[in-house]
Amino acid sequence: MMPTRPSRLAALLLAAFSTVPALAIDATVVTSGLDVPLMLTAPAGDSRSFIVEKGGLVKVLVGGVVQPTPFLDLSAQVATDGERGLLGLSFDPNYATNGRFYVDYVDKTTLNTVIARYQVASPGASVADAGSAQQIMTIAQPAGRNNHKAGWIGFRPGDTNNLYIATGDGGSGYDPDNNAQNPQSLLGKILRVDVSGTGAGYAVPADNPFSASATTRPEIWALGLRNPFRASFDRASGAFWIGDVGQSTREELDLELAGDPGGHNYGWRLREGTIQSPTNGGNAPGLTGPVYDYGRDMGGTVIGGFVYRGPSIADADGRYFFGDYVANKVWSFAVGAGGALSDLRDDTAALLGGTGLSGLDAFGEDSQGRLYAMGTNGVLVVVVDEPATAMSLAGGLAVLAGFLFRRRGRGRA
């Protein structure tokens, strides 16, 4: 009897599954048909999730089903051309008792950024009181420019008073008005304001980095940003992650660990990521570089994400997930001590493959820390743990390879 060998197909299958372990991570489509969803969030302890649509609606997601009546409808007052729209939503850390939440949008009449507070009659209400609006802040935008409006807002874990606000540089290319480096402009910044009062307006926290400065607006927490469209706080550590969209060369992620006193200058328009900007490039004392940046070989519009802190998933726990709109891709890092990043992994196939999601424009996090991704085509997916499915597939193919091996052997006897 001649020695037998497995078929070429069986050998390839066996080799593949002996060297590439299946990831215990997957994604499931929650819903589709949304109108350019830009955010998903939830109040602490609430089983519902709330979806922000660019056109001005906040929709309620209950048990995976989008409710027919919106939680809030601002469509009549929101400008939506270009990068304008309803861009941010954050629930007050004490929402369960005070029913307050905040939105960030571009006003249809003035074309300026508005930060407003709304309320619900009771924390469990499915519709907000549209007449409860209190204007917290208005930020003037340059005339004739409909891009770089940023829009993310949020509270740091453990800080119940102060709202963080991300603003873009106002638009056009290479920040022609030099807003991001102008300490008297609120554009191209992260702002931090005290919204704990009961009326309109805000106070400046005494521990803001420039609260006592005579030359820098006291609301500023960080400066030198181009368009920090999406950011997040790590719900476990309090670390602050900022995804700042680049101009034409580099996309960047910035990181501030818990306890950071703020005051960082992230370099735009002098620098783009880790390089000097091709236009108006240079250096200045005390600039803070990104924790990670990448070039056009990977994508062209970074979408800041979240550190996964939801129900345990072996291949997601404690990793920072982010993406790129142009490339429609998702990656993740392992996050070590002191914010050290390692093990960059392409998770696109695992999280977007087969979902139909395109135009990746945001990630979201519900009250349990589950991670969501959404695209401009209206598809919303949630990250899930499906090791059994992956292992079943691997096992089935291994069995198939063994069968082919035995069949080939009998044929040559």
Foldseek 3Di string as FASTA:
>chain_A
DDDFDFDPVLVVLVVVPVPDPDAQKFKDFLDFDAAQWFEWEEAAPDQWIWTDHFQAFIWIAHPSDTDPDTQDGPNVFADRPDPFGFQEKEAQNVCQPWQKIWTWGQTPPQRWIWIWMWGDPHSPDRHTDHVRIATADTAHADPPFDDQQQTYKYDQPPDRFKIKGAGALRHDAQSPVPQQVQQAHPHQFIFIWGPPDDHYYTHQDPLQPCCPPPRGDSRGQEGAAHRQNDKDAANVFRKIWTWGFFHAWKTAIAIDGPPRSGPAHQHPPQPTAPGGHPPNHDDDPRHDHGLDMDTPVFEGTKEFAYQADADDRPNRHRWGKIAHQGNQWIWIWRADPPRRTDDIGTCRCRYPNPQPAHRWNYWYQYNRRWIWTHHSSGIIMTMDGDSVVSVVVSVVSSVVSVVSSVVSVVVVD
